[in-house]
Structure formats: C-alpha cells, structure tokens
Amino acid sequence: SNNQLTSLNLSNNDSLNSLQCQNNQLITLDIRNGNNTNMYTSFWS
C-alpha cells in the first residue's frame, strides 16, 4: 500500500491469502492464482 504501483500480477502466487494494495495508481491487477476463495475468507483483512 501507499506506493505508486500501476500494475500488479500475482497470478503465479497460488499461496497468497491476503493482499493489501490500497492507495496506489493501479490500472491492472491480476489475482488469477487459483486461490481466490481462500483469499476472501482469510483471517486477516
């Protein structure tokens, strides 16, 4: 968070459970990693 990122591709990160990338300049965000349902129900925000 709080950077100037414009693009983020996490499609190879199939263990990812939590993502905090607010306050950037994102134009593209790819989280097609086969683990989205676990990301949404993760304990942390």
ModelCIF file with pLDDT and N, C-alpha, C, O atoms, coordinates in Angstrom:
data_MODEL
#
_entry.id   MODEL 
#
_entity.id                         1 
_entity.type                       polymer 
_entity.pdbx_number_of_molecules   1 
#
_entity_poly.entity_id                      1 
_entity_poly.type                           'polypeptide(L)' 
_entity_poly.nstd_linkage                   no 
_entity_poly.nstd_monomer                   no 
_entity_poly.pdbx_seq_one_letter_code       SNNQLTSLNLSNNDSLNSLQCQNNQLITLDIRNGNNTNMYTSFWS 
_entity_poly.pdbx_seq_one_letter_code_can   SNNQLTSLNLSNNDSLNSLQCQNNQLITLDIRNGNNTNMYTSFWS 
_entity_poly.pdbx_strand_id                 A 
#
loop_
_entity_poly_seq.entity_id 
_entity_poly_seq.num 
_entity_poly_seq.mon_id 
_entity_poly_seq.hetero 
1 1  SER n 
1 2  ASN n 
1 3  ASN n 
1 4  GLN n 
1 5  LEU n 
1 6  THR n 
1 7  SER n 
1 8  LEU n 
1 9  ASN n 
1 10 LEU n 
1 11 SER n 
1 12 ASN n 
1 13 ASN n 
1 14 ASP n 
1 15 SER n 
1 16 LEU n 
1 17 ASN n 
1 18 SER n 
1 19 LEU n 
1 20 GLN n 
1 21 CYS n 
1 22 GLN n 
1 23 ASN n 
1 24 ASN n 
1 25 GLN n 
1 26 LEU n 
1 27 ILE n 
1 28 THR n 
1 29 LEU n 
1 30 ASP n 
1 31 ILE n 
1 32 ARG n 
1 33 ASN n 
1 34 GLY n 
1 35 ASN n 
1 36 ASN n 
1 37 THR n 
1 38 ASN n 
1 39 MET n 
1 40 TYR n 
1 41 THR n 
1 42 SER n 
1 43 PHE n 
1 44 TRP n 
1 45 SER n 
#
_struct_asym.id          A 
_struct_asym.entity_id   1 
#
loop_
_ma_qa_metric.id 
_ma_qa_metric.mode 
_ma_qa_metric.name 
_ma_qa_metric.software_group_id 
_ma_qa_metric.type 
1 global pLDDT . pLDDT 
2 local  pLDDT . pLDDT 
#
_ma_qa_metric_global.metric_id      1 
_ma_qa_metric_global.metric_value   87.98 
_ma_qa_metric_global.model_id       1 
_ma_qa_metric_global.ordinal_id     1 
#
loop_
_ma_qa_metric_local.label_asym_id 
_ma_qa_metric_local.label_comp_id 
_ma_qa_metric_local.label_seq_id 
_ma_qa_metric_local.metric_id 
_ma_qa_metric_local.metric_value 
_ma_qa_metric_local.model_id 
_ma_qa_metric_local.ordinal_id 
A SER 1  2 96.00 1 1  
A ASN 2  2 97.00 1 2  
A ASN 3  2 97.00 1 3  
A GLN 4  2 97.00 1 4  
A LEU 5  2 97.00 1 5  
A THR 6  2 97.00 1 6  
A SER 7  2 97.00 1 7  
A LEU 8  2 96.00 1 8  
A ASN 9  2 96.00 1 9  
A LEU 10 2 95.00 1 10 
A SER 11 2 94.00 1 11 
A ASN 12 2 94.00 1 12 
A ASN 13 2 94.00 1 13 
A ASP 14 2 91.00 1 14 
A SER 15 2 92.00 1 15 
A LEU 16 2 91.00 1 16 
A ASN 17 2 88.00 1 17 
A SER 18 2 89.00 1 18 
A LEU 19 2 92.00 1 19 
A GLN 20 2 93.00 1 20 
A CYS 21 2 95.00 1 21 
A GLN 22 2 95.00 1 22 
A ASN 23 2 97.00 1 23 
A ASN 24 2 97.00 1 24 
A GLN 25 2 97.00 1 25 
A LEU 26 2 97.00 1 26 
A ILE 27 2 97.00 1 27 
A THR 28 2 96.00 1 28 
A LEU 29 2 96.00 1 29 
A ASP 30 2 96.00 1 30 
A ILE 31 2 93.00 1 31 
A ARG 32 2 94.00 1 32 
A ASN 33 2 92.00 1 33 
A GLY 34 2 90.00 1 34 
A ASN 35 2 87.00 1 35 
A ASN 36 2 85.00 1 36 
A THR 37 2 82.00 1 37 
A ASN 38 2 80.00 1 38 
A MET 39 2 77.00 1 39 
A TYR 40 2 63.00 1 40 
A THR 41 2 53.00 1 41 
A SER 42 2 49.00 1 42 
A PHE 43 2 51.00 1 43 
A TRP 44 2 54.00 1 44 
A SER 45 2 63.00 1 45 
#
loop_
_atom_site.group_PDB 
_atom_site.id 
_atom_site.type_symbol 
_atom_site.label_atom_id 
_atom_site.label_alt_id 
_atom_site.label_comp_id 
_atom_site.label_asym_id 
_atom_site.label_entity_id 
_atom_site.label_seq_id 
_atom_site.pdbx_PDB_ins_code 
_atom_site.Cartn_x 
_atom_site.Cartn_y 
_atom_site.Cartn_z 
_atom_site.occupancy 
_atom_site.B_iso_or_equiv 
_atom_site.pdbx_formal_charge 
_atom_site.auth_seq_id 
_atom_site.auth_comp_id 
_atom_site.auth_asym_id 
_atom_site.auth_atom_id 
_atom_site.pdbx_PDB_model_num 
ATOM 1   N N  . SER A 1 1  ? 0.825   -1.210  0.000   1.00 96.00 ? 1  SER A N  1 
ATOM 2   C CA . SER A 1 1  ? 0.000   0.000   0.000   1.00 96.00 ? 1  SER A CA 1 
ATOM 3   C C  . SER A 1 1  ? 0.856   1.255   0.000   1.00 96.00 ? 1  SER A C  1 
ATOM 4   O O  . SER A 1 1  ? 2.037   1.235   0.349   1.00 96.00 ? 1  SER A O  1 
ATOM 5   N N  . ASN A 1 2  ? 0.219   2.349   -0.404  1.00 97.00 ? 2  ASN A N  1 
ATOM 6   C CA . ASN A 1 2  ? 0.832   3.679   -0.328  1.00 97.00 ? 2  ASN A CA 1 
ATOM 7   C C  . ASN A 1 2  ? 2.101   3.792   -1.160  1.00 97.00 ? 2  ASN A C  1 
ATOM 8   O O  . ASN A 1 2  ? 3.119   4.308   -0.698  1.00 97.00 ? 2  ASN A O  1 
ATOM 9   N N  . ASN A 1 3  ? 2.025   3.304   -2.386  1.00 97.00 ? 3  ASN A N  1 
ATOM 10  C CA . ASN A 1 3  ? 3.115   3.415   -3.346  1.00 97.00 ? 3  ASN A CA 1 
ATOM 11  C C  . ASN A 1 3  ? 2.578   4.074   -4.606  1.00 97.00 ? 3  ASN A C  1 
ATOM 12  O O  . ASN A 1 3  ? 1.537   4.729   -4.574  1.00 97.00 ? 3  ASN A O  1 
ATOM 13  N N  . GLN A 1 4  ? 3.264   3.908   -5.676  1.00 97.00 ? 4  GLN A N  1 
ATOM 14  C CA . GLN A 1 4  ? 2.828   4.434   -6.966  1.00 97.00 ? 4  GLN A CA 1 
ATOM 15  C C  . GLN A 1 4  ? 2.705   3.307   -7.984  1.00 97.00 ? 4  GLN A C  1 
ATOM 16  O O  . GLN A 1 4  ? 2.922   3.526   -9.176  1.00 97.00 ? 4  GLN A O  1 
ATOM 17  N N  . LEU A 1 5  ? 2.357   2.098   -7.526  1.00 97.00 ? 5  LEU A N  1 
ATOM 18  C CA . LEU A 1 5  ? 2.250   0.948   -8.423  1.00 97.00 ? 5  LEU A CA 1 
ATOM 19  C C  . LEU A 1 5  ? 1.153   1.171   -9.455  1.00 97.00 ? 5  LEU A C  1 
ATOM 20  O O  . LEU A 1 5  ? 0.075   1.666   -9.124  1.00 97.00 ? 5  LEU A O  1 
ATOM 21  N N  . THR A 1 6  ? 1.423   0.809   -10.693 1.00 97.00 ? 6  THR A N  1 
ATOM 22  C CA . THR A 1 6  ? 0.408   0.916   -11.745 1.00 97.00 ? 6  THR A CA 1 
ATOM 23  C C  . THR A 1 6  ? -0.076  -0.447  -12.209 1.00 97.00 ? 6  THR A C  1 
ATOM 24  O O  . THR A 1 6  ? -1.152  -0.551  -12.798 1.00 97.00 ? 6  THR A O  1 
ATOM 25  N N  . SER A 1 7  ? 0.697   -1.492  -11.955 1.00 97.00 ? 7  SER A N  1 
ATOM 26  C CA . SER A 1 7  ? 0.345   -2.835  -12.399 1.00 97.00 ? 7  SER A CA 1 
ATOM 27  C C  . SER A 1 7  ? 0.841   -3.847  -11.377 1.00 97.00 ? 7  SER A C  1 
ATOM 28  O O  . SER A 1 7  ? 1.929   -3.710  -10.817 1.00 97.00 ? 7  SER A O  1 
ATOM 29  N N  . LEU A 1 8  ? 0.017   -4.869  -11.147 1.00 96.00 ? 8  LEU A N  1 
ATOM 30  C CA . LEU A 1 8  ? 0.402   -5.912  -10.202 1.00 96.00 ? 8  LEU A CA 1 
ATOM 31  C C  . LEU A 1 8  ? -0.139  -7.235  -10.719 1.00 96.00 ? 8  LEU A C  1 
ATOM 32  O O  . LEU A 1 8  ? -1.346  -7.393  -10.903 1.00 96.00 ? 8  LEU A O  1 
ATOM 33  N N  . ASN A 1 9  ? 0.756   -8.182  -10.953 1.00 96.00 ? 9  ASN A N  1 
ATOM 34  C CA . ASN A 1 9  ? 0.376   -9.503  -11.439 1.00 96.00 ? 9  ASN A CA 1 
ATOM 35  C C  . ASN A 1 9  ? 0.795   -10.539 -10.403 1.00 96.00 ? 9  ASN A C  1 
ATOM 36  O O  . ASN A 1 9  ? 1.983   -10.777 -10.185 1.00 96.00 ? 9  ASN A O  1 
ATOM 37  N N  . LEU A 1 10 ? -0.207  -11.152 -9.766  1.00 95.00 ? 10 LEU A N  1 
ATOM 38  C CA . LEU A 1 10 ? 0.032   -12.140 -8.720  1.00 95.00 ? 10 LEU A CA 1 
ATOM 39  C C  . LEU A 1 10 ? -0.468  -13.509 -9.138  1.00 95.00 ? 10 LEU A C  1 
ATOM 40  O O  . LEU A 1 10 ? -0.753  -14.356 -8.292  1.00 95.00 ? 10 LEU A O  1 
ATOM 41  N N  . SER A 1 11 ? -0.575  -13.730 -10.440 1.00 94.00 ? 11 SER A N  1 
ATOM 42  C CA . SER A 1 11 ? -1.137  -14.982 -10.947 1.00 94.00 ? 11 SER A CA 1 
ATOM 43  C C  . SER A 1 11 ? -0.249  -16.196 -10.655 1.00 94.00 ? 11 SER A C  1 
ATOM 44  O O  . SER A 1 11 ? -0.737  -17.325 -10.699 1.00 94.00 ? 11 SER A O  1 
ATOM 45  N N  . ASN A 1 12 ? 1.027   -15.997 -10.362 1.00 94.00 ? 12 ASN A N  1 
ATOM 46  C CA . ASN A 1 12 ? 1.909   -17.119 -10.019 1.00 94.00 ? 12 ASN A CA 1 
ATOM 47  C C  . ASN A 1 12 ? 1.982   -17.381 -8.523  1.00 94.00 ? 12 ASN A C  1 
ATOM 48  O O  . ASN A 1 12 ? 2.663   -18.311 -8.091  1.00 94.00 ? 12 ASN A O  1 
ATOM 49  N N  . ASN A 1 13 ? 1.294   -16.579 -7.733  1.00 94.00 ? 13 ASN A N  1 
ATOM 50  C CA . ASN A 1 13 ? 1.366   -16.681 -6.279  1.00 94.00 ? 13 ASN A CA 1 
ATOM 51  C C  . ASN A 1 13 ? 0.160   -17.438 -5.736  1.00 94.00 ? 13 ASN A C  1 
ATOM 52  O O  . ASN A 1 13 ? -0.753  -16.844 -5.163  1.00 94.00 ? 13 ASN A O  1 
ATOM 53  N N  . ASP A 1 14 ? 0.168   -18.754 -5.923  1.00 91.00 ? 14 ASP A N  1 
ATOM 54  C CA . ASP A 1 14 ? -1.001  -19.556 -5.557  1.00 91.00 ? 14 ASP A CA 1 
ATOM 55  C C  . ASP A 1 14 ? -1.135  -19.810 -4.060  1.00 91.00 ? 14 ASP A C  1 
ATOM 56  O O  . ASP A 1 14 ? -2.108  -20.436 -3.640  1.00 91.00 ? 14 ASP A O  1 
ATOM 57  N N  . SER A 1 15 ? -0.199  -19.351 -3.246  1.00 92.00 ? 15 SER A N  1 
ATOM 58  C CA . SER A 1 15 ? -0.317  -19.462 -1.784  1.00 92.00 ? 15 SER A CA 1 
ATOM 59  C C  . SER A 1 15 ? -0.802  -18.166 -1.156  1.00 92.00 ? 15 SER A C  1 
ATOM 60  O O  . SER A 1 15 ? -1.007  -18.101 0.056   1.00 92.00 ? 15 SER A O  1 
ATOM 61  N N  . LEU A 1 16 ? -0.985  -17.147 -1.960  1.00 91.00 ? 16 LEU A N  1 
ATOM 62  C CA . LEU A 1 16 ? -1.372  -15.831 -1.447  1.00 91.00 ? 16 LEU A CA 1 
ATOM 63  C C  . LEU A 1 16 ? -2.744  -15.885 -0.780  1.00 91.00 ? 16 LEU A C  1 
ATOM 64  O O  . LEU A 1 16 ? -3.721  -16.324 -1.388  1.00 91.00 ? 16 LEU A O  1 
ATOM 65  N N  . ASN A 1 17 ? -2.811  -15.437 0.471   1.00 88.00 ? 17 ASN A N  1 
ATOM 66  C CA . ASN A 1 17 ? -4.062  -15.406 1.223   1.00 88.00 ? 17 ASN A CA 1 
ATOM 67  C C  . ASN A 1 17 ? -4.547  -14.003 1.510   1.00 88.00 ? 17 ASN A C  1 
ATOM 68  O O  . ASN A 1 17 ? -5.736  -13.801 1.758   1.00 88.00 ? 17 ASN A O  1 
ATOM 69  N N  . SER A 1 18 ? -3.659  -13.034 1.482   1.00 89.00 ? 18 SER A N  1 
ATOM 70  C CA . SER A 1 18 ? -4.031  -11.677 1.857   1.00 89.00 ? 18 SER A CA 1 
ATOM 71  C C  . SER A 1 18 ? -3.271  -10.683 0.990   1.00 89.00 ? 18 SER A C  1 
ATOM 72  O O  . SER A 1 18 ? -2.081  -10.847 0.720   1.00 89.00 ? 18 SER A O  1 
ATOM 73  N N  . LEU A 1 19 ? -3.983  -9.658  0.566   1.00 92.00 ? 19 LEU A N  1 
ATOM 74  C CA . LEU A 1 19 ? -3.395  -8.635  -0.300  1.00 92.00 ? 19 LEU A CA 1 
ATOM 75  C C  . LEU A 1 19 ? -3.886  -7.264  0.131   1.00 92.00 ? 19 LEU A C  1 
ATOM 76  O O  . LEU A 1 19 ? -5.088  -6.999  0.153   1.00 92.00 ? 19 LEU A O  1 
ATOM 77  N N  . GLN A 1 20 ? -2.965  -6.415  0.464   1.00 93.00 ? 20 GLN A N  1 
ATOM 78  C CA . GLN A 1 20 ? -3.254  -5.031  0.822   1.00 93.00 ? 20 GLN A CA 1 
ATOM 79  C C  . GLN A 1 20 ? -2.502  -4.137  -0.152  1.00 93.00 ? 20 GLN A C  1 
ATOM 80  O O  . GLN A 1 20 ? -1.291  -3.959  -0.024  1.00 93.00 ? 20 GLN A O  1 
ATOM 81  N N  . CYS A 1 21 ? -3.209  -3.578  -1.118  1.00 95.00 ? 21 CYS A N  1 
ATOM 82  C CA . CYS A 1 21 ? -2.532  -2.737  -2.115  1.00 95.00 ? 21 CYS A CA 1 
ATOM 83  C C  . CYS A 1 21 ? -3.304  -1.436  -2.346  1.00 95.00 ? 21 CYS A C  1 
ATOM 84  O O  . CYS A 1 21 ? -3.329  -0.913  -3.460  1.00 95.00 ? 21 CYS A O  1 
ATOM 85  N N  . GLN A 1 22 ? -3.925  -0.925  -1.299  1.00 95.00 ? 22 GLN A N  1 
ATOM 86  C CA . GLN A 1 22 ? -4.670  0.320   -1.412  1.00 95.00 ? 22 GLN A CA 1 
ATOM 87  C C  . GLN A 1 22 ? -3.726  1.514   -1.563  1.00 95.00 ? 22 GLN A C  1 
ATOM 88  O O  . GLN A 1 22 ? -2.535  1.435   -1.261  1.00 95.00 ? 22 GLN A O  1 
ATOM 89  N N  . ASN A 1 23 ? -4.289  2.605   -2.034  1.00 97.00 ? 23 ASN A N  1 
ATOM 90  C CA . ASN A 1 23 ? -3.567  3.874   -2.172  1.00 97.00 ? 23 ASN A CA 1 
ATOM 91  C C  . ASN A 1 23 ? -2.371  3.782   -3.110  1.00 97.00 ? 23 ASN A C  1 
ATOM 92  O O  . ASN A 1 23 ? -1.259  4.179   -2.763  1.00 97.00 ? 23 ASN A O  1 
ATOM 93  N N  . ASN A 1 24 ? -2.615  3.259   -4.285  1.00 97.00 ? 24 ASN A N  1 
ATOM 94  C CA . ASN A 1 24 ? -1.620  3.205   -5.342  1.00 97.00 ? 24 ASN A CA 1 
ATOM 95  C C  . ASN A 1 24 ? -2.188  3.885   -6.580  1.00 97.00 ? 24 ASN A C  1 
ATOM 96  O O  . ASN A 1 24 ? -3.147  4.651   -6.483  1.00 97.00 ? 24 ASN A O  1 
ATOM 97  N N  . GLN A 1 25 ? -1.619  3.619   -7.711  1.00 97.00 ? 25 GLN A N  1 
ATOM 98  C CA . GLN A 1 25 ? -2.104  4.119   -9.000  1.00 97.00 ? 25 GLN A CA 1 
ATOM 99  C C  . GLN A 1 25 ? -2.402  2.942   -9.923  1.00 97.00 ? 25 GLN A C  1 
ATOM 100 O O  . GLN A 1 25 ? -2.169  3.018   -11.129 1.00 97.00 ? 25 GLN A O  1 
ATOM 101 N N  . LEU A 1 26 ? -2.923  1.844   -9.348  1.00 97.00 ? 26 LEU A N  1 
ATOM 102 C CA . LEU A 1 26 ? -3.137  0.621   -10.128 1.00 97.00 ? 26 LEU A CA 1 
ATOM 103 C C  . LEU A 1 26 ? -4.088  0.843   -11.293 1.00 97.00 ? 26 LEU A C  1 
ATOM 104 O O  . LEU A 1 26 ? -5.143  1.462   -11.158 1.00 97.00 ? 26 LEU A O  1 
ATOM 105 N N  . ILE A 1 27 ? -3.685  0.324   -12.423 1.00 97.00 ? 27 ILE A N  1 
ATOM 106 C CA . ILE A 1 27 ? -4.523  0.269   -13.618 1.00 97.00 ? 27 ILE A CA 1 
ATOM 107 C C  . ILE A 1 27 ? -4.909  -1.173  -13.873 1.00 97.00 ? 27 ILE A C  1 
ATOM 108 O O  . ILE A 1 27 ? -6.031  -1.453  -14.295 1.00 97.00 ? 27 ILE A O  1 
ATOM 109 N N  . THR A 1 28 ? -3.971  -2.106  -13.616 1.00 96.00 ? 28 THR A N  1 
ATOM 110 C CA . THR A 1 28 ? -4.248  -3.532  -13.784 1.00 96.00 ? 28 THR A CA 1 
ATOM 111 C C  . THR A 1 28 ? -3.872  -4.284  -12.516 1.00 96.00 ? 28 THR A C  1 
ATOM 112 O O  . THR A 1 28 ? -2.851  -4.014  -11.884 1.00 96.00 ? 28 THR A O  1 
ATOM 113 N N  . LEU A 1 29 ? -4.731  -5.238  -12.165 1.00 96.00 ? 29 LEU A N  1 
ATOM 114 C CA . LEU A 1 29 ? -4.486  -6.121  -11.024 1.00 96.00 ? 29 LEU A CA 1 
ATOM 115 C C  . LEU A 1 29 ? -4.936  -7.513  -11.427 1.00 96.00 ? 29 LEU A C  1 
ATOM 116 O O  . LEU A 1 29 ? -6.112  -7.729  -11.723 1.00 96.00 ? 29 LEU A O  1 
ATOM 117 N N  . ASP A 1 30 ? -4.010  -8.451  -11.439 1.00 96.00 ? 30 ASP A N  1 
ATOM 118 C CA . ASP A 1 30 ? -4.296  -9.830  -11.837 1.00 96.00 ? 30 ASP A CA 1 
ATOM 119 C C  . ASP A 1 30 ? -4.057  -10.743 -10.638 1.00 96.00 ? 30 ASP A C  1 
ATOM 120 O O  . ASP A 1 30 ? -2.915  -10.954 -10.229 1.00 96.00 ? 30 ASP A O  1 
ATOM 121 N N  . ILE A 1 31 ? -5.142  -11.284 -10.077 1.00 93.00 ? 31 ILE A N  1 
ATOM 122 C CA . ILE A 1 31 ? -5.024  -12.210 -8.952  1.00 93.00 ? 31 ILE A CA 1 
ATOM 123 C C  . ILE A 1 31 ? -5.571  -13.591 -9.322  1.00 93.00 ? 31 ILE A C  1 
ATOM 124 O O  . ILE A 1 31 ? -6.029  -14.336 -8.456  1.00 93.00 ? 31 ILE A O  1 
ATOM 125 N N  . ARG A 1 32 ? -5.520  -13.926 -10.608 1.00 94.00 ? 32 ARG A N  1 
ATOM 126 C CA . ARG A 1 32 ? -5.943  -15.260 -11.065 1.00 94.00 ? 32 ARG A CA 1 
ATOM 127 C C  . ARG A 1 32 ? -4.881  -16.276 -10.678 1.00 94.00 ? 32 ARG A C  1 
ATOM 128 O O  . ARG A 1 32 ? -4.030  -16.642 -11.489 1.00 94.00 ? 32 ARG A O  1 
ATOM 129 N N  . ASN A 1 33 ? -4.937  -16.725 -9.440  1.00 92.00 ? 33 ASN A N  1 
ATOM 130 C CA . ASN A 1 33 ? -3.908  -17.618 -8.923  1.00 92.00 ? 33 ASN A CA 1 
ATOM 131 C C  . ASN A 1 33 ? -4.457  -18.964 -8.460  1.00 92.00 ? 33 ASN A C  1 
ATOM 132 O O  . ASN A 1 33 ? -3.713  -19.762 -7.891  1.00 92.00 ? 33 ASN A O  1 
ATOM 133 N N  . GLY A 1 34 ? -5.733  -19.232 -8.689  1.00 90.00 ? 34 GLY A N  1 
ATOM 134 C CA . GLY A 1 34 ? -6.336  -20.488 -8.261  1.00 90.00 ? 34 GLY A CA 1 
ATOM 135 C C  . GLY A 1 34 ? -6.635  -20.546 -6.785  1.00 90.00 ? 34 GLY A C  1 
ATOM 136 O O  . GLY A 1 34 ? -6.996  -21.605 -6.270  1.00 90.00 ? 34 GLY A O  1 
ATOM 137 N N  . ASN A 1 35 ? -6.492  -19.426 -6.086  1.00 87.00 ? 35 ASN A N  1 
ATOM 138 C CA . ASN A 1 35 ? -6.659  -19.409 -4.629  1.00 87.00 ? 35 ASN A CA 1 
ATOM 139 C C  . ASN A 1 35 ? -7.580  -18.287 -4.166  1.00 87.00 ? 35 ASN A C  1 
ATOM 140 O O  . ASN A 1 35 ? -7.573  -17.954 -2.981  1.00 87.00 ? 35 ASN A O  1 
ATOM 141 N N  . ASN A 1 36 ? -8.362  -17.700 -5.045  1.00 85.00 ? 36 ASN A N  1 
ATOM 142 C CA . ASN A 1 36 ? -9.181  -16.554 -4.681  1.00 85.00 ? 36 ASN A CA 1 
ATOM 143 C C  . ASN A 1 36 ? -10.158 -16.832 -3.553  1.00 85.00 ? 36 ASN A C  1 
ATOM 144 O O  . ASN A 1 36 ? -10.364 -15.963 -2.705  1.00 85.00 ? 36 ASN A O  1 
ATOM 145 N N  . THR A 1 37 ? -10.762 -17.996 -3.512  1.00 82.00 ? 37 THR A N  1 
ATOM 146 C CA . THR A 1 37 ? -11.734 -18.269 -2.448  1.00 82.00 ? 37 THR A CA 1 
ATOM 147 C C  . THR A 1 37 ? -11.063 -18.259 -1.087  1.00 82.00 ? 37 THR A C  1 
ATOM 148 O O  . THR A 1 37 ? -11.689 -17.854 -0.108  1.00 82.00 ? 37 THR A O  1 
ATOM 149 N N  . ASN A 1 38 ? -9.829  -18.682 -0.989  1.00 80.00 ? 38 ASN A N  1 
ATOM 150 C CA . ASN A 1 38 ? -9.104  -18.636 0.279   1.00 80.00 ? 38 ASN A CA 1 
ATOM 151 C C  . ASN A 1 38 ? -8.647  -17.226 0.622   1.00 80.00 ? 38 ASN A C  1 
ATOM 152 O O  . ASN A 1 38 ? -8.521  -16.881 1.797   1.00 80.00 ? 38 ASN A O  1 
ATOM 153 N N  . MET A 1 39 ? -8.402  -16.421 -0.382  1.00 77.00 ? 39 MET A N  1 
ATOM 154 C CA . MET A 1 39 ? -8.027  -15.042 -0.130  1.00 77.00 ? 39 MET A CA 1 
ATOM 155 C C  . MET A 1 39 ? -9.184  -14.307 0.516   1.00 77.00 ? 39 MET A C  1 
ATOM 156 O O  . MET A 1 39 ? -8.987  -13.528 1.449   1.00 77.00 ? 39 MET A O  1 
ATOM 157 N N  . TYR A 1 40 ? -10.376 -14.548 0.031   1.00 63.00 ? 40 TYR A N  1 
ATOM 158 C CA . TYR A 1 40 ? -11.536 -13.814 0.524   1.00 63.00 ? 40 TYR A CA 1 
ATOM 159 C C  . TYR A 1 40 ? -11.897 -14.196 1.949   1.00 63.00 ? 40 TYR A C  1 
ATOM 160 O O  . TYR A 1 40 ? -12.426 -13.366 2.688   1.00 63.00 ? 40 TYR A O  1 
ATOM 161 N N  . THR A 1 41 ? -11.626 -15.426 2.355   1.00 53.00 ? 41 THR A N  1 
ATOM 162 C CA . THR A 1 41 ? -12.011 -15.877 3.683   1.00 53.00 ? 41 THR A CA 1 
ATOM 163 C C  . THR A 1 41 ? -10.837 -15.933 4.649   1.00 53.00 ? 41 THR A C  1 
ATOM 164 O O  . THR A 1 41 ? -10.943 -16.542 5.713   1.00 53.00 ? 41 THR A O  1 
ATOM 165 N N  . SER A 1 42 ? -9.739  -15.317 4.300   1.00 49.00 ? 42 SER A N  1 
ATOM 166 C CA . SER A 1 42 ? -8.571  -15.299 5.171   1.00 49.00 ? 42 SER A CA 1 
ATOM 167 C C  . SER A 1 42 ? -8.910  -14.631 6.504   1.00 49.00 ? 42 SER A C  1 
ATOM 168 O O  . SER A 1 42 ? -9.779  -13.761 6.565   1.00 49.00 ? 42 SER A O  1 
ATOM 169 N N  . PHE A 1 43 ? -8.218  -15.043 7.571   1.00 51.00 ? 43 PHE A N  1 
ATOM 170 C CA . PHE A 1 43 ? -8.460  -14.498 8.906   1.00 51.00 ? 43 PHE A CA 1 
ATOM 171 C C  . PHE A 1 43 ? -8.194  -13.006 8.947   1.00 51.00 ? 43 PHE A C  1 
ATOM 172 O O  . PHE A 1 43 ? -9.011  -12.240 9.459   1.00 51.00 ? 43 PHE A O  1 
ATOM 173 N N  . TRP A 1 44 ? -7.055  -12.589 8.409   1.00 54.00 ? 44 TRP A N  1 
ATOM 174 C CA . TRP A 1 44 ? -6.721  -11.166 8.375   1.00 54.00 ? 44 TRP A CA 1 
ATOM 175 C C  . TRP A 1 44 ? -7.593  -10.486 7.331   1.00 54.00 ? 44 TRP A C  1 
ATOM 176 O O  . TRP A 1 44 ? -8.221  -11.151 6.506   1.00 54.00 ? 44 TRP A O  1 
ATOM 177 N N  . SER A 1 45 ? -7.628  -9.201  7.368   1.00 63.00 ? 45 SER A N  1 
ATOM 178 C CA . SER A 1 45 ? -8.353  -8.471  6.337   1.00 63.00 ? 45 SER A CA 1 
ATOM 179 C C  . SER A 1 45 ? -7.759  -8.877  4.994   1.00 63.00 ? 45 SER A C  1 
ATOM 180 O O  . SER A 1 45 ? -8.202  -8.394  3.952   1.00 63.00 ? 45 SER A O  1 
#
